[in-house]
């Protein structure tokens, strides 16, 4: 196993399988990062929005935790449906592992399903 020194740490990570590993070489990281297929954890589409969970490749911890925050889930609402927050996105959260990212995605999907159902019911009542 390769030891990474503090001098080599730049906050950049790649995935080996589903495991984040530090990548001290910025050019190697950039080449790996440019392929979204390397980074996509999950994508769920609804007529109203899509929910995306990705590996960020950069530690977004900023000293708040002992673990790097490397995965993010966001909900992007489609502009063609003004009832559903047109052209906006909702931050779903960040986490450290692939498994946490998958769980965060599922939780966000369930929250969005509920929000869509509530908004549709309110629209029908109006």
Protein backbone atom coordinates (compact mmCIF):
# COMPACT_ATOMS: atom_id res chain seq x y z
CA UNK A 1 0.00 0.00 0.00
CA UNK A 2 1.31 3.42 -0.96
CA UNK A 3 1.72 5.98 1.82
CA UNK A 4 0.60 9.51 1.02
CA UNK A 5 2.48 12.27 2.87
CA UNK A 6 0.99 15.64 3.78
CA UNK A 7 3.14 17.24 1.06
CA UNK A 8 1.41 15.02 -1.51
CA UNK A 9 -2.13 15.62 -0.24
CA UNK A 10 -4.00 18.08 -2.43
CA UNK A 11 -7.58 17.11 -1.59
CA UNK A 12 -8.02 15.27 -4.90
CA UNK A 13 -9.43 11.75 -5.04
CA UNK A 14 -10.29 9.17 -7.67
CA UNK A 15 -12.31 5.98 -7.33
CA UNK A 16 -10.80 2.53 -7.53
CA UNK A 17 -13.98 0.52 -7.95
CA UNK A 18 -16.21 2.24 -5.39
CA UNK A 19 -13.37 3.17 -3.02
CA UNK A 20 -12.05 6.75 -2.94
CA UNK A 21 -8.26 6.99 -2.95
CA UNK A 22 -6.11 10.14 -2.82
CA UNK A 23 -4.58 11.12 -6.15
CA UNK A 24 -1.50 13.31 -5.65
CA UNK A 25 -0.96 13.82 -9.40
CA UNK A 26 -3.26 16.61 -10.55
CA UNK A 27 -2.97 15.69 -14.24
CA UNK A 28 -3.86 12.04 -13.57
CA UNK A 29 -6.78 13.22 -11.48
CA UNK A 30 -8.01 15.57 -14.24
CA UNK A 31 -7.81 12.84 -16.88
CA UNK A 32 -9.76 10.46 -14.65
CA UNK A 33 -12.27 13.13 -13.61
CA UNK A 34 -13.31 14.25 -17.10
CA UNK A 35 -15.32 11.04 -17.66
CA UNK A 36 -18.70 11.35 -15.86
CA UNK A 37 -19.02 7.58 -16.11
CA UNK A 38 -16.23 7.35 -13.55
CA UNK A 39 -18.15 9.55 -11.11
CA UNK A 40 -21.88 8.83 -11.45
CA UNK A 41 -23.34 6.99 -8.44
CA UNK A 42 -27.02 7.31 -9.37
CA UNK A 43 -29.40 9.34 -11.52
CA UNK A 44 -33.19 9.29 -11.10
CA UNK A 45 -35.45 11.14 -13.52
CA UNK A 46 -38.97 12.38 -12.87
CA UNK A 47 -41.06 14.56 -15.22
CA UNK A 48 -40.58 17.39 -12.70
CA UNK A 49 -36.88 16.98 -11.91
CA UNK A 50 -33.85 14.77 -11.90
CA UNK A 51 -31.82 13.68 -8.88
CA UNK A 52 -28.11 13.21 -9.34
CA UNK A 53 -25.57 11.66 -6.98
CA UNK A 54 -21.95 11.96 -8.01
CA UNK A 55 -18.43 11.51 -6.74
CA UNK A 56 -16.99 15.03 -6.47
CA UNK A 57 -13.31 14.06 -6.69
CA UNK A 58 -12.38 16.92 -4.37
CA UNK A 59 -12.66 16.85 -0.59
CA UNK A 60 -15.45 19.29 0.37
CA UNK A 61 -14.87 18.76 4.10
CA UNK A 62 -13.09 22.08 4.69
CA UNK A 63 -12.02 20.92 8.15
CA UNK A 64 -15.51 20.18 9.49
CA UNK A 65 -14.99 16.45 9.94
CA UNK A 66 -12.30 13.80 10.16
CA UNK A 67 -13.59 12.17 6.97
CA UNK A 68 -13.40 13.67 3.49
CA UNK A 69 -16.74 14.65 1.97
CA UNK A 70 -16.48 13.29 -1.55
CA UNK A 71 -20.03 12.52 -2.77
CA UNK A 72 -22.97 14.85 -3.35
CA UNK A 73 -26.67 14.53 -4.14
CA UNK A 74 -28.67 17.33 -5.76
CA UNK A 75 -32.17 17.70 -7.17
CA UNK A 76 -32.50 19.73 -10.37
CA UNK A 77 -36.06 20.95 -11.08
CA UNK A 78 -37.04 21.22 -14.74
CA UNK A 79 -37.93 24.64 -16.10
CA UNK A 80 -40.90 23.49 -18.19
CA UNK A 81 -42.98 22.83 -15.07
CA UNK A 82 -43.25 26.09 -13.05
CA UNK A 83 -45.17 24.39 -10.24
CA UNK A 84 -41.98 22.63 -9.25
CA UNK A 85 -39.40 25.32 -8.45
CA UNK A 86 -38.42 26.12 -12.04
CA UNK A 87 -34.72 26.24 -12.89
CA UNK A 88 -33.58 25.62 -9.33
CA UNK A 89 -31.71 22.92 -7.54
CA UNK A 90 -31.92 21.56 -4.02
CA UNK A 91 -28.84 20.44 -2.17
CA UNK A 92 -29.33 16.89 -0.87
CA UNK A 93 -26.13 16.53 1.10
CA UNK A 94 -22.57 15.27 1.04
CA UNK A 95 -20.98 12.14 2.41
CA UNK A 96 -17.76 10.12 2.46
CA UNK A 97 -18.41 6.68 0.96
CA UNK A 98 -20.11 5.13 -2.06
CA UNK A 99 -22.51 3.20 0.20
CA UNK A 100 -23.48 6.38 2.05
CA UNK A 101 -23.98 8.10 -1.33
CA UNK A 102 -26.31 5.34 -2.53
CA UNK A 103 -28.34 5.59 0.70
CA UNK A 104 -28.43 9.40 0.45
CA UNK A 105 -29.71 9.12 -3.12
CA UNK A 106 -32.52 6.73 -2.14
CA UNK A 107 -33.51 9.00 0.76
CA UNK A 108 -33.56 12.05 -1.51
CA UNK A 109 -35.68 10.20 -4.11
CA UNK A 110 -38.23 9.35 -1.40
CA UNK A 111 -38.30 12.97 -0.16
CA UNK A 112 -38.81 14.28 -3.69
CA UNK A 113 -41.60 11.77 -4.38
CA UNK A 114 -43.38 13.03 -1.28
CA UNK A 115 -42.84 16.67 -2.25
CA UNK A 116 -44.20 16.05 -5.75
CA UNK A 117 -47.27 14.25 -4.35
CA UNK A 118 -47.97 17.11 -1.91
CA UNK A 119 -47.62 19.73 -4.65
CA UNK A 120 -49.88 17.78 -7.02
CA UNK A 121 -52.51 17.40 -4.31
CA UNK A 122 -52.36 21.14 -3.58
CA UNK A 123 -52.71 21.89 -7.29
CA UNK A 124 -55.78 19.64 -7.56
CA UNK A 125 -57.39 21.39 -4.59
CA UNK A 126 -56.79 24.84 -6.07
